[in-house]
Each structure stands twice: as structure tokens, then as C-alpha cells.
PDB file of N, CA and C in Angstrom:
ATOM      1  N   MET A   1      -3.446 -10.201   3.106  1.00  0.00           N
ATOM      2  CA  MET A   1      -2.128  -9.621   2.958  1.00  0.00           C
ATOM      3  C   MET A   1      -1.694  -8.913   4.240  1.00  0.00           C
ATOM      4  N   GLY A   2      -2.629  -8.320   4.934  1.00  0.00           N
ATOM      5  CA  GLY A   2      -2.288  -7.650   6.180  1.00  0.00           C
ATOM      6  C   GLY A   2      -1.819  -8.629   7.249  1.00  0.00           C
ATOM      7  N   VAL A   3      -2.434  -9.802   7.298  1.00  0.00           N
ATOM      8  CA  VAL A   3      -2.029 -10.823   8.266  1.00  0.00           C
ATOM      9  C   VAL A   3      -0.642 -11.353   7.922  1.00  0.00           C
ATOM     10  N   ILE A   4      -0.374 -11.547   6.641  1.00  0.00           N
ATOM     11  CA  ILE A   4       0.948 -12.009   6.213  1.00  0.00           C
ATOM     12  C   ILE A   4       2.004 -10.982   6.596  1.00  0.00           C
ATOM     13  N   ALA A   5       1.692  -9.712   6.415  1.00  0.00           N
ATOM     14  CA  ALA A   5       2.636  -8.653   6.789  1.00  0.00           C
ATOM     15  C   ALA A   5       2.907  -8.681   8.289  1.00  0.00           C
ATOM     16  N   ALA A   6       1.867  -8.868   9.088  1.00  0.00           N
ATOM     17  CA  ALA A   6       2.059  -8.916  10.538  1.00  0.00           C
ATOM     18  C   ALA A   6       2.922 -10.101  10.953  1.00  0.00           C
ATOM     19  N   VAL A   7       2.720 -11.247  10.319  1.00  0.00           N
ATOM     20  CA  VAL A   7       3.531 -12.429  10.627  1.00  0.00           C
ATOM     21  C   VAL A   7       4.988 -12.189  10.249  1.00  0.00           C
ATOM     22  N   LEU A   8       5.220 -11.609   9.082  1.00  0.00           N
ATOM     23  CA  LEU A   8       6.593 -11.330   8.661  1.00  0.00           C
ATOM     24  C   LEU A   8       7.277 -10.345   9.597  1.00  0.00           C
ATOM     25  N   PHE A   9       6.546  -9.318  10.032  1.00  0.00           N
ATOM     26  CA  PHE A   9       7.120  -8.362  10.986  1.00  0.00           C
ATOM     27  C   PHE A   9       7.447  -9.043  12.308  1.00  0.00           C
ATOM     28  N   GLY A  10       6.579  -9.939  12.757  1.00  0.00           N
ATOM     29  CA  GLY A  10       6.826 -10.660  14.001  1.00  0.00           C
ATOM     30  C   GLY A  10       8.049 -11.560  13.918  1.00  0.00           C
ATOM     31  N   ILE A  11       8.199 -12.271  12.817  1.00  0.00           N
ATOM     32  CA  ILE A  11       9.377 -13.124  12.636  1.00  0.00           C
ATOM     33  C   ILE A  11      10.639 -12.288  12.572  1.00  0.00           C
ATOM     34  N   ALA A  12      10.587 -11.177  11.841  1.00  0.00           N
ATOM     35  CA  ALA A  12      11.766 -10.303  11.749  1.00  0.00           C
ATOM     36  C   ALA A  12      12.132  -9.740  13.117  1.00  0.00           C
ATOM     37  N   PHE A  13      11.140  -9.376  13.914  1.00  0.00           N
ATOM     38  CA  PHE A  13      11.395  -8.852  15.252  1.00  0.00           C
ATOM     39  C   PHE A  13      12.038  -9.917  16.138  1.00  0.00           C
ATOM     40  N   PHE A  14      11.555 -11.140  16.048  1.00  0.00           N
ATOM     41  CA  PHE A  14      12.106 -12.230  16.846  1.00  0.00           C
ATOM     42  C   PHE A  14      13.549 -12.543  16.446  1.00  0.00           C
ATOM     43  N   ILE A  15      13.819 -12.596  15.140  1.00  0.00           N
ATOM     44  CA  ILE A  15      15.181 -12.874  14.672  1.00  0.00           C
ATOM     45  C   ILE A  15      16.129 -11.755  15.090  1.00  0.00           C
ATOM     46  N   HIS A  16      15.679 -10.522  14.967  1.00  0.00           N
ATOM     47  CA  HIS A  16      16.519  -9.386  15.345  1.00  0.00           C
ATOM     48  C   HIS A  16      16.784  -9.380  16.859  1.00  0.00           C
ATOM     49  N   GLY A  17      15.759  -9.681  17.627  1.00  0.00           N
ATOM     50  CA  GLY A  17      15.906  -9.657  19.074  1.00  0.00           C
ATOM     51  C   GLY A  17      16.764 -10.780  19.627  1.00  0.00           C
ATOM     52  N   SER A  18      16.771 -11.906  18.945  1.00  0.00           N
ATOM     53  CA  SER A  18      17.540 -13.044  19.446  1.00  0.00           C
ATOM     54  C   SER A  18      18.955 -13.094  18.869  1.00  0.00           C
ATOM     55  N   ASN A  19      19.290 -12.158  17.999  1.00  0.00           N
ATOM     56  CA  ASN A  19      20.612 -12.116  17.354  1.00  0.00           C
ATOM     57  C   ASN A  19      20.960 -13.430  16.666  1.00  0.00           C
ATOM     58  N   THR A  20      19.982 -14.054  16.068  1.00  0.00           N
ATOM     59  CA  THR A  20      20.194 -15.297  15.340  1.00  0.00           C
ATOM     60  C   THR A  20      20.841 -14.979  14.000  1.00  0.00           C
ATOM     61  N   SER A  21      21.879 -15.722  13.662  1.00  0.00           N
ATOM     62  CA  SER A  21      22.517 -15.509  12.359  1.00  0.00           C
ATOM     63  C   SER A  21      21.766 -16.314  11.307  1.00  0.00           C
ATOM     64  N   THR A  22      21.343 -15.643  10.262  1.00  0.00           N
ATOM     65  CA  THR A  22      20.601 -16.273   9.171  1.00  0.00           C
ATOM     66  C   THR A  22      21.230 -15.858   7.850  1.00  0.00           C
ATOM     67  N   ASN A  23      20.776 -16.510   6.774  1.00  0.00           N
ATOM     68  CA  ASN A  23      21.288 -16.097   5.473  1.00  0.00           C
ATOM     69  C   ASN A  23      20.550 -14.837   5.012  1.00  0.00           C
ATOM     70  N   VAL A  24      20.890 -14.371   3.839  1.00  0.00           N
ATOM     71  CA  VAL A  24      20.372 -13.087   3.352  1.00  0.00           C
ATOM     72  C   VAL A  24      18.851 -13.100   3.199  1.00  0.00           C
ATOM     73  N   TRP A  25      18.269 -14.212   2.789  1.00  0.00           N
ATOM     74  CA  TRP A  25      16.835 -14.257   2.526  1.00  0.00           C
ATOM     75  C   TRP A  25      15.996 -14.166   3.797  1.00  0.00           C
ATOM     76  N   PHE A  26      16.550 -14.599   4.915  1.00  0.00           N
ATOM     77  CA  PHE A  26      15.787 -14.584   6.157  1.00  0.00           C
ATOM     78  C   PHE A  26      16.355 -13.603   7.178  1.00  0.00           C
ATOM     79  N   SER A  27      17.045 -12.588   6.700  1.00  0.00           N
ATOM     80  CA  SER A  27      17.537 -11.561   7.614  1.00  0.00           C
ATOM     81  C   SER A  27      16.359 -10.667   8.021  1.00  0.00           C
ATOM     82  N   PRO A  28      16.455 -10.011   9.163  1.00  0.00           N
ATOM     83  CA  PRO A  28      15.356  -9.142   9.591  1.00  0.00           C
ATOM     84  C   PRO A  28      15.043  -8.033   8.586  1.00  0.00           C
ATOM     85  N   GLU A  29      16.066  -7.537   7.910  1.00  0.00           N
ATOM     86  CA  GLU A  29      15.823  -6.459   6.942  1.00  0.00           C
ATOM     87  C   GLU A  29      15.032  -6.960   5.733  1.00  0.00           C
ATOM     88  N   SER A  30      15.366  -8.141   5.234  1.00  0.00           N
ATOM     89  CA  SER A  30      14.636  -8.653   4.069  1.00  0.00           C
ATOM     90  C   SER A  30      13.213  -9.041   4.454  1.00  0.00           C
ATOM     91  N   LEU A  31      13.018  -9.582   5.670  1.00  0.00           N
ATOM     92  CA  LEU A  31      11.657  -9.891   6.111  1.00  0.00           C
ATOM     93  C   LEU A  31      10.847  -8.623   6.324  1.00  0.00           C
ATOM     94  N   MET A  32      11.504  -7.552   6.795  1.00  0.00           N
ATOM     95  CA  MET A  32      10.816  -6.278   6.967  1.00  0.00           C
ATOM     96  C   MET A  32      10.369  -5.725   5.614  1.00  0.00           C
ATOM     97  N   LEU A  33      11.241  -5.820   4.607  1.00  0.00           N
ATOM     98  CA  LEU A  33      10.873  -5.332   3.278  1.00  0.00           C
ATOM     99  C   LEU A  33       9.747  -6.166   2.672  1.00  0.00           C
ATOM    100  N   ALA A  34       9.766  -7.475   2.891  1.00  0.00           N
ATOM    101  CA  ALA A  34       8.672  -8.320   2.411  1.00  0.00           C
ATOM    102  C   ALA A  34       7.371  -7.967   3.132  1.00  0.00           C
ATOM    103  N   GLY A  35       7.456  -7.688   4.420  1.00  0.00           N
ATOM    104  CA  GLY A  35       6.269  -7.272   5.173  1.00  0.00           C
ATOM    105  C   GLY A  35       5.726  -5.944   4.698  1.00  0.00           C
ATOM    106  N   LEU A  36       6.612  -5.011   4.400  1.00  0.00           N
ATOM    107  CA  LEU A  36       6.164  -3.719   3.880  1.00  0.00           C
ATOM    108  C   LEU A  36       5.521  -3.851   2.504  1.00  0.00           C
ATOM    109  N   THR A  37       6.052  -4.765   1.696  1.00  0.00           N
ATOM    110  CA  THR A  37       5.448  -5.014   0.386  1.00  0.00           C
ATOM    111  C   THR A  37       4.045  -5.589   0.546  1.00  0.00           C
ATOM    112  N   CYS A  38       3.879  -6.564   1.449  1.00  0.00           N
ATOM    113  CA  CYS A  38       2.552  -7.125   1.693  1.00  0.00           C
ATOM    114  C   CYS A  38       1.602  -6.082   2.254  1.00  0.00           C
ATOM    115  N   LEU A  39       2.104  -5.227   3.124  1.00  0.00           N
ATOM    116  CA  LEU A  39       1.267  -4.174   3.690  1.00  0.00           C
ATOM    117  C   LEU A  39       0.826  -3.180   2.623  1.00  0.00           C
ATOM    118  N   ALA A  40       1.733  -2.824   1.723  1.00  0.00           N
ATOM    119  CA  ALA A  40       1.380  -1.909   0.631  1.00  0.00           C
ATOM    120  C   ALA A  40       0.342  -2.550  -0.290  1.00  0.00           C
ATOM    121  N   LEU A  41       0.513  -3.840  -0.593  1.00  0.00           N
ATOM    122  CA  LEU A  41      -0.475  -4.526  -1.426  1.00  0.00           C
ATOM    123  C   LEU A  41      -1.820  -4.604  -0.715  1.00  0.00           C
ATOM    124  N   HIS A  42      -1.803  -4.804   0.581  1.00  0.00           N
ATOM    125  CA  HIS A  42      -3.054  -4.843   1.349  1.00  0.00           C
ATOM    126  C   HIS A  42      -3.765  -3.491   1.291  1.00  0.00           C
ATOM    127  N   LEU A  43      -3.008  -2.417   1.415  1.00  0.00           N
ATOM    128  CA  LEU A  43      -3.615  -1.087   1.361  1.00  0.00           C
ATOM    129  C   LEU A  43      -4.142  -0.757  -0.033  1.00  0.00           C
ATOM    130  N   LEU A  44      -3.563  -1.383  -1.064  1.00  0.00           N
ATOM    131  CA  LEU A  44      -4.066  -1.188  -2.420  1.00  0.00           C
ATOM    132  C   LEU A  44      -5.321  -2.011  -2.698  1.00  0.00           C
ATOM    133  N   GLY A  45      -5.625  -2.958  -1.820  1.00  0.00           N
ATOM    134  CA  GLY A  45      -6.825  -3.767  -1.994  1.00  0.00           C
ATOM    135  C   GLY A  45      -6.563  -5.140  -2.568  1.00  0.00           C
ATOM    136  N   VAL A  46      -5.303  -5.510  -2.743  1.00  0.00           N
ATOM    137  CA  VAL A  46      -4.969  -6.832  -3.264  1.00  0.00           C
ATOM    138  C   VAL A  46      -5.190  -7.845  -2.152  1.00  0.00           C
ATOM    139  N   GLY A  47      -5.844  -8.948  -2.475  1.00  0.00           N
ATOM    140  CA  GLY A  47      -6.063 -10.005  -1.502  1.00  0.00           C
ATOM    141  C   GLY A  47      -7.273  -9.801  -0.616  1.00  0.00           C
ATOM    142  N   THR A  48      -8.147  -8.862  -0.965  1.00  0.00           N
ATOM    143  CA  THR A  48      -9.331  -8.649  -0.137  1.00  0.00           C
ATOM    144  C   THR A  48     -10.407  -9.675  -0.413  1.00  0.00           C
ATOM    145  N   GLY A  49     -10.343 -10.330  -1.565  1.00  0.00           N
ATOM    146  CA  GLY A  49     -11.324 -11.364  -1.882  1.00  0.00           C
ATOM    147  C   GLY A  49     -12.551 -10.792  -2.563  1.00  0.00           C
ATOM    148  N   TRP A  50     -13.388 -11.669  -3.008  1.00  0.00           N
ATOM    149  CA  TRP A  50     -14.579 -11.241  -3.746  1.00  0.00           C
ATOM    150  C   TRP A  50     -15.648 -10.708  -2.798  1.00  0.00           C
ATOM    151  N   TYR A  51     -15.657 -11.109  -1.536  1.00  0.00           N
ATOM    152  CA  TYR A  51     -16.695 -10.680  -0.614  1.00  0.00           C
ATOM    153  C   TYR A  51     -16.622  -9.174  -0.354  1.00  0.00           C
ATOM    154  N   ALA A  52     -15.443  -8.646  -0.206  1.00  0.00           N
ATOM    155  CA  ALA A  52     -15.287  -7.221   0.080  1.00  0.00           C
ATOM    156  C   ALA A  52     -15.713  -6.366  -1.103  1.00  0.00           C
ATOM    157  N   ARG A  53     -15.573  -6.879  -2.312  1.00  0.00           N
ATOM    158  CA  ARG A  53     -15.959  -6.100  -3.493  1.00  0.00           C
ATOM    159  C   ARG A  53     -17.473  -6.104  -3.702  1.00  0.00           C
ATOM    160  N   ARG A  54     -18.173  -7.099  -3.181  1.00  0.00           N
ATOM    161  CA  ARG A  54     -19.630  -7.178  -3.353  1.00  0.00           C
ATOM    162  C   ARG A  54     -20.352  -6.176  -2.505  1.00  0.00           C
ATOM    163  N   ARG A  55     -19.762  -5.750  -1.406  1.00  0.00           N
ATOM    164  CA  ARG A  55     -20.448  -4.858  -0.471  1.00  0.00           C
ATOM    165  C   ARG A  55     -20.539  -3.516  -1.042  1.00  0.00           C
TER     166      ARG A  55
END
């Protein structure tokens, strides 16, 4: 989930920096919110897999 959040933040940064016009679903703000959601889920432990729980 942390990697997905980083990718979403990177795409949002690129779209914002290039002033590309996109629809509502791919706007930098919506990608930022999706990245923050993935980051929050990562911090909660979602998506860590079974290996991390065995340790």
C-alpha cells in the first residue's frame, strides 16, 4: 500500500506540474486523496501480507 501511495503521489505531482487537463477522476487532487487513503491503510497494517504477521 505504501508503494501504491508513492506512485499515486508521483502521478499527481507530474499532472500538476505539467498543467495537463484531465477529468475529475484523474485530477491531482483526487489522486492525492487516493494516495493519502492508501498511505493511511498502509499505516494501519493493511496489505502487509502474511510474512510480516509471522515475525
